[in-house]
Amino acid sequence: MVKVSQRVSDFRFTFRALVYREDGFWIAHCLETDVAAEGDSPAEAVHALGELLTTLVEQAIKEGDLRSVFSPAPHDIWRLYGLGKESKVTARLPKRRSSIDGIEVRELALA
């Protein structure tokens, strides 16, 4: 459990995400949390994922249940991440002080 006196800024996380195209949208899927977001481009999908992860982590810290954040993605997503190429897309994280240092992104080209 997180102590009540701890703040969001006391924690630092870097997450990993697989970005791929599906049904006309780009999907950014976080490996550590099994949270996904979509966008019209890889950058938009990763930005949306960063927003979701920031909110998720902040709320978990406030509720004193940081463990609830970590629910790994399915094995197939981890395997595909291993096949992906490092992406030049970087996460534009929310301007407010966040506990997320960044998101390491790999892109997968699906046929």
N, C-alpha and C. Protein backbone atom coordinates (compact mmCIF):
# COMPACT_ATOMS: atom_id res chain seq x y z
N MET A 1 0.83 -1.19 0.00
CA MET A 1 0.00 0.00 0.00
C MET A 1 0.87 1.25 0.00
N VAL A 2 0.40 2.26 -0.69
CA VAL A 2 1.08 3.54 -0.74
C VAL A 2 0.67 4.36 0.47
N LYS A 3 1.63 4.97 1.13
CA LYS A 3 1.32 5.81 2.28
C LYS A 3 0.59 7.06 1.82
N VAL A 4 -0.32 7.54 2.65
CA VAL A 4 -1.10 8.72 2.32
C VAL A 4 -0.21 9.93 2.09
N SER A 5 0.92 9.99 2.77
CA SER A 5 1.80 11.15 2.64
C SER A 5 2.56 11.19 1.31
N GLN A 6 2.53 10.09 0.56
CA GLN A 6 3.25 10.08 -0.70
C GLN A 6 2.45 10.79 -1.77
N ARG A 7 3.20 11.46 -2.68
CA ARG A 7 2.58 12.22 -3.75
C ARG A 7 2.87 11.53 -5.08
N VAL A 8 2.11 11.93 -6.08
CA VAL A 8 2.32 11.40 -7.43
C VAL A 8 3.76 11.62 -7.86
N SER A 9 4.33 12.77 -7.52
CA SER A 9 5.69 13.09 -7.95
C SER A 9 6.75 12.23 -7.26
N ASP A 10 6.37 11.45 -6.24
CA ASP A 10 7.31 10.57 -5.56
C ASP A 10 7.62 9.32 -6.38
N PHE A 11 6.85 9.05 -7.41
CA PHE A 11 6.98 7.84 -8.20
C PHE A 11 7.42 8.17 -9.62
N ARG A 12 8.26 7.32 -10.21
CA ARG A 12 8.74 7.51 -11.58
C ARG A 12 8.60 6.18 -12.32
N PHE A 13 7.95 6.22 -13.47
CA PHE A 13 7.74 5.01 -14.27
C PHE A 13 8.09 5.27 -15.73
N THR A 14 8.61 4.24 -16.37
CA THR A 14 8.75 4.22 -17.82
C THR A 14 8.01 2.97 -18.28
N PHE A 15 7.10 3.16 -19.20
CA PHE A 15 6.30 2.05 -19.72
C PHE A 15 6.77 1.70 -21.13
N ARG A 16 6.36 0.53 -21.61
CA ARG A 16 6.65 0.10 -22.98
C ARG A 16 5.33 -0.07 -23.71
N ALA A 17 5.33 0.28 -24.99
CA ALA A 17 4.12 0.17 -25.80
C ALA A 17 4.43 -0.36 -27.18
N LEU A 18 3.53 -1.18 -27.67
CA LEU A 18 3.56 -1.65 -29.05
C LEU A 18 2.57 -0.81 -29.84
N VAL A 19 3.00 -0.29 -30.98
CA VAL A 19 2.12 0.50 -31.84
C VAL A 19 1.94 -0.24 -33.15
N TYR A 20 0.68 -0.40 -33.55
CA TYR A 20 0.38 -1.11 -34.79
C TYR A 20 -0.92 -0.57 -35.38
N ARG A 21 -1.11 -0.82 -36.66
CA ARG A 21 -2.29 -0.36 -37.37
C ARG A 21 -3.33 -1.48 -37.38
N GLU A 22 -4.58 -1.08 -37.09
CA GLU A 22 -5.67 -2.06 -37.07
C GLU A 22 -6.98 -1.37 -37.45
N ASP A 23 -7.65 -1.90 -38.44
CA ASP A 23 -8.94 -1.36 -38.88
C ASP A 23 -8.91 0.14 -39.15
N GLY A 24 -7.84 0.62 -39.77
CA GLY A 24 -7.75 2.02 -40.16
C GLY A 24 -7.26 2.96 -39.07
N PHE A 25 -7.01 2.46 -37.87
CA PHE A 25 -6.51 3.28 -36.77
C PHE A 25 -5.17 2.75 -36.30
N TRP A 26 -4.43 3.60 -35.62
CA TRP A 26 -3.21 3.18 -34.96
C TRP A 26 -3.54 2.88 -33.51
N ILE A 27 -3.04 1.77 -33.01
CA ILE A 27 -3.26 1.33 -31.64
C ILE A 27 -1.93 1.38 -30.90
N ALA A 28 -1.93 1.94 -29.70
CA ALA A 28 -0.78 1.91 -28.81
C ALA A 28 -1.19 1.08 -27.60
N HIS A 29 -0.52 -0.04 -27.39
CA HIS A 29 -0.89 -1.00 -26.35
C HIS A 29 0.26 -1.10 -25.35
N CYS A 30 -0.01 -0.76 -24.10
CA CYS A 30 1.00 -0.78 -23.04
C CYS A 30 1.20 -2.21 -22.53
N LEU A 31 2.44 -2.65 -22.48
CA LEU A 31 2.73 -4.01 -22.04
C LEU A 31 2.49 -4.21 -20.55
N GLU A 32 2.88 -3.25 -19.74
CA GLU A 32 2.81 -3.43 -18.29
C GLU A 32 1.41 -3.30 -17.71
N THR A 33 0.52 -2.60 -18.42
CA THR A 33 -0.80 -2.33 -17.85
C THR A 33 -1.97 -2.92 -18.64
N ASP A 34 -1.71 -3.41 -19.83
CA ASP A 34 -2.75 -3.92 -20.73
C ASP A 34 -3.79 -2.84 -21.06
N VAL A 35 -3.35 -1.59 -21.11
CA VAL A 35 -4.19 -0.46 -21.50
C VAL A 35 -3.82 -0.10 -22.93
N ALA A 36 -4.84 0.18 -23.75
CA ALA A 36 -4.59 0.55 -25.14
C ALA A 36 -5.35 1.82 -25.49
N ALA A 37 -4.80 2.55 -26.46
CA ALA A 37 -5.45 3.76 -26.96
C ALA A 37 -5.28 3.78 -28.47
N GLU A 38 -6.12 4.56 -29.14
CA GLU A 38 -6.04 4.63 -30.60
C GLU A 38 -5.89 6.07 -31.05
N GLY A 39 -5.44 6.21 -32.30
CA GLY A 39 -5.29 7.52 -32.90
C GLY A 39 -5.20 7.40 -34.40
N ASP A 40 -5.20 8.54 -35.07
CA ASP A 40 -5.09 8.55 -36.53
C ASP A 40 -3.65 8.38 -37.00
N SER A 41 -2.70 8.48 -36.09
CA SER A 41 -1.28 8.31 -36.40
C SER A 41 -0.64 7.61 -35.20
N PRO A 42 0.56 7.07 -35.38
CA PRO A 42 1.24 6.48 -34.23
C PRO A 42 1.44 7.50 -33.09
N ALA A 43 1.80 8.73 -33.45
CA ALA A 43 2.02 9.75 -32.42
C ALA A 43 0.75 10.06 -31.64
N GLU A 44 -0.39 10.14 -32.33
CA GLU A 44 -1.66 10.40 -31.64
C GLU A 44 -2.03 9.25 -30.71
N ALA A 45 -1.81 8.01 -31.16
CA ALA A 45 -2.13 6.85 -30.33
C ALA A 45 -1.26 6.82 -29.08
N VAL A 46 0.03 7.11 -29.24
CA VAL A 46 0.95 7.10 -28.09
C VAL A 46 0.61 8.26 -27.15
N HIS A 47 0.27 9.41 -27.69
CA HIS A 47 -0.13 10.54 -26.84
C HIS A 47 -1.38 10.18 -26.03
N ALA A 48 -2.37 9.59 -26.68
CA ALA A 48 -3.60 9.19 -25.98
C ALA A 48 -3.28 8.15 -24.89
N LEU A 49 -2.38 7.23 -25.19
CA LEU A 49 -1.97 6.24 -24.20
C LEU A 49 -1.29 6.92 -23.02
N GLY A 50 -0.42 7.90 -23.30
CA GLY A 50 0.24 8.64 -22.22
C GLY A 50 -0.76 9.33 -21.30
N GLU A 51 -1.79 9.91 -21.89
CA GLU A 51 -2.86 10.55 -21.09
C GLU A 51 -3.56 9.52 -20.20
N LEU A 52 -3.91 8.39 -20.79
CA LEU A 52 -4.58 7.33 -20.02
C LEU A 52 -3.70 6.82 -18.88
N LEU A 53 -2.44 6.54 -19.18
CA LEU A 53 -1.53 6.02 -18.16
C LEU A 53 -1.31 7.02 -17.03
N THR A 54 -1.19 8.29 -17.39
CA THR A 54 -1.00 9.32 -16.37
C THR A 54 -2.20 9.35 -15.42
N THR A 55 -3.39 9.35 -15.98
CA THR A 55 -4.60 9.36 -15.15
C THR A 55 -4.70 8.10 -14.30
N LEU A 56 -4.41 6.96 -14.91
CA LEU A 56 -4.48 5.68 -14.20
C LEU A 56 -3.53 5.65 -13.01
N VAL A 57 -2.29 6.06 -13.23
CA VAL A 57 -1.29 6.05 -12.16
C VAL A 57 -1.64 7.07 -11.07
N GLU A 58 -2.02 8.27 -11.46
CA GLU A 58 -2.38 9.30 -10.48
C GLU A 58 -3.53 8.84 -9.58
N GLN A 59 -4.55 8.25 -10.19
CA GLN A 59 -5.71 7.80 -9.42
C GLN A 59 -5.33 6.64 -8.48
N ALA A 60 -4.51 5.73 -8.96
CA ALA A 60 -4.09 4.59 -8.13
C ALA A 60 -3.28 5.07 -6.92
N ILE A 61 -2.43 6.06 -7.14
CA ILE A 61 -1.65 6.60 -6.03
C ILE A 61 -2.56 7.28 -5.01
N LYS A 62 -3.52 8.05 -5.50
CA LYS A 62 -4.46 8.73 -4.59
C LYS A 62 -5.26 7.72 -3.78
N GLU A 63 -5.60 6.59 -4.40
CA GLU A 63 -6.39 5.56 -3.71
C GLU A 63 -5.52 4.62 -2.89
N GLY A 64 -4.20 4.77 -2.98
CA GLY A 64 -3.29 3.92 -2.21
C GLY A 64 -3.21 2.50 -2.74
N ASP A 65 -3.45 2.33 -4.04
CA ASP A 65 -3.45 0.98 -4.61
C ASP A 65 -2.68 0.96 -5.93
N LEU A 66 -1.40 1.25 -5.86
CA LEU A 66 -0.57 1.31 -7.05
C LEU A 66 -0.47 -0.04 -7.76
N ARG A 67 -0.59 -1.13 -7.00
CA ARG A 67 -0.53 -2.45 -7.62
C ARG A 67 -1.64 -2.67 -8.63
N SER A 68 -2.76 -1.98 -8.49
CA SER A 68 -3.89 -2.17 -9.40
C SER A 68 -3.56 -1.72 -10.82
N VAL A 69 -2.52 -0.91 -10.98
CA VAL A 69 -2.13 -0.41 -12.30
C VAL A 69 -1.53 -1.52 -13.14
N PHE A 70 -0.79 -2.42 -12.50
CA PHE A 70 0.01 -3.40 -13.23
C PHE A 70 -0.72 -4.71 -13.45
N SER A 71 -1.22 -4.85 -14.67
CA SER A 71 -1.89 -6.05 -15.13
C SER A 71 -1.36 -6.29 -16.55
N PRO A 72 -0.36 -7.15 -16.70
CA PRO A 72 0.34 -7.27 -17.98
C PRO A 72 -0.55 -7.61 -19.16
N ALA A 73 -0.15 -7.11 -20.31
CA ALA A 73 -0.83 -7.41 -21.57
C ALA A 73 -0.69 -8.90 -21.86
N PRO A 74 -1.55 -9.43 -22.73
CA PRO A 74 -1.46 -10.84 -23.10
C PRO A 74 -0.10 -11.19 -23.72
N HIS A 75 0.26 -12.44 -23.61
CA HIS A 75 1.54 -12.94 -24.12
C HIS A 75 1.78 -12.54 -25.58
N ASP A 76 0.75 -12.60 -26.42
CA ASP A 76 0.90 -12.27 -27.84
C ASP A 76 1.38 -10.84 -28.05
N ILE A 77 0.92 -9.90 -27.23
CA ILE A 77 1.36 -8.51 -27.35
C ILE A 77 2.84 -8.40 -26.99
N TRP A 78 3.26 -9.11 -25.95
CA TRP A 78 4.68 -9.11 -25.57
C TRP A 78 5.53 -9.70 -26.70
N ARG A 79 5.06 -10.78 -27.31
CA ARG A 79 5.79 -11.42 -28.40
C ARG A 79 5.92 -10.47 -29.59
N LEU A 80 4.81 -9.81 -29.94
CA LEU A 80 4.84 -8.87 -31.05
C LEU A 80 5.73 -7.67 -30.76
N TYR A 81 5.76 -7.24 -29.50
CA TYR A 81 6.66 -6.14 -29.11
C TYR A 81 8.11 -6.54 -29.40
N GLY A 82 8.45 -7.80 -29.11
CA GLY A 82 9.78 -8.30 -29.38
C GLY A 82 10.12 -8.30 -30.86
N LEU A 83 9.10 -8.43 -31.71
CA LEU A 83 9.31 -8.43 -33.16
C LEU A 83 9.31 -7.03 -33.75
N GLY A 84 8.79 -6.07 -33.00
CA GLY A 84 8.67 -4.70 -33.49
C GLY A 84 10.01 -4.00 -33.58
N LYS A 85 10.00 -2.92 -34.32
CA LYS A 85 11.19 -2.07 -34.49
C LYS A 85 11.06 -0.85 -33.59
N GLU A 86 12.20 -0.40 -33.06
CA GLU A 86 12.17 0.82 -32.26
C GLU A 86 11.56 1.93 -33.09
N SER A 87 10.69 2.70 -32.48
CA SER A 87 9.99 3.77 -33.18
C SER A 87 10.58 5.12 -32.81
N LYS A 88 10.51 6.04 -33.75
CA LYS A 88 10.95 7.41 -33.47
C LYS A 88 9.85 8.21 -32.78
N VAL A 89 8.67 7.60 -32.64
CA VAL A 89 7.56 8.27 -31.98
C VAL A 89 7.88 8.38 -30.49
N THR A 90 7.72 9.57 -29.96
CA THR A 90 7.91 9.77 -28.52
C THR A 90 6.59 10.22 -27.92
N ALA A 91 6.41 9.86 -26.68
CA ALA A 91 5.17 10.22 -25.99
C ALA A 91 5.18 11.69 -25.61
N ARG A 92 4.13 12.40 -26.01
CA ARG A 92 3.92 13.76 -25.52
C ARG A 92 3.07 13.61 -24.28
N LEU A 93 3.70 13.62 -23.14
CA LEU A 93 2.99 13.41 -21.88
C LEU A 93 2.31 14.69 -21.44
N PRO A 94 1.28 14.57 -20.61
CA PRO A 94 0.58 15.77 -20.14
C PRO A 94 1.53 16.78 -19.53
N LYS A 95 1.22 18.05 -19.69
CA LYS A 95 2.10 19.12 -19.20
C LYS A 95 2.15 19.17 -17.68
N ARG A 96 1.07 18.73 -17.04
CA ARG A 96 1.10 18.73 -15.57
C ARG A 96 2.17 17.75 -15.09
N ARG A 97 2.64 17.94 -13.91
CA ARG A 97 3.68 17.07 -13.35
C ARG A 97 3.16 15.64 -13.33
N SER A 98 3.88 14.76 -13.98
CA SER A 98 3.44 13.39 -14.13
C SER A 98 4.46 12.44 -13.50
N SER A 99 3.99 11.27 -13.10
CA SER A 99 4.89 10.26 -12.56
C SER A 99 5.47 9.39 -13.67
N ILE A 100 5.12 9.68 -14.91
CA ILE A 100 5.59 8.88 -16.04
C ILE A 100 6.74 9.61 -16.73
N ASP A 101 7.90 8.96 -16.73
CA ASP A 101 9.08 9.53 -17.38
C ASP A 101 9.00 9.41 -18.89
N GLY A 102 8.37 8.34 -19.36
CA GLY A 102 8.27 8.16 -20.79
C GLY A 102 7.65 6.83 -21.16
N ILE A 103 7.49 6.65 -22.46
CA ILE A 103 6.97 5.40 -23.00
C ILE A 103 7.92 4.98 -24.11
N GLU A 104 8.52 3.81 -23.93
CA GLU A 104 9.39 3.25 -24.97
C GLU A 104 8.49 2.58 -26.00
N VAL A 105 8.59 3.04 -27.25
CA VAL A 105 7.66 2.60 -28.29
C VAL A 105 8.35 1.74 -29.33
N ARG A 106 7.72 0.64 -29.66
CA ARG A 106 8.14 -0.18 -30.80
C ARG A 106 6.96 -0.27 -31.74
N GLU A 107 7.26 -0.19 -33.03
CA GLU A 107 6.21 -0.22 -34.05
C GLU A 107 6.26 -1.55 -34.80
N LEU A 108 5.07 -2.08 -35.05
CA LEU A 108 4.96 -3.33 -35.77
C LEU A 108 4.21 -3.08 -37.06
N ALA A 109 4.79 -3.49 -38.17
CA ALA A 109 4.12 -3.36 -39.48
C ALA A 109 3.40 -4.68 -39.75
N LEU A 110 2.08 -4.63 -39.70
CA LEU A 110 1.28 -5.82 -39.97
C LEU A 110 0.88 -5.82 -41.44
N ALA A 111 0.94 -6.99 -42.05
CA ALA A 111 0.57 -7.09 -43.47
C ALA A 111 -0.92 -7.10 -43.65
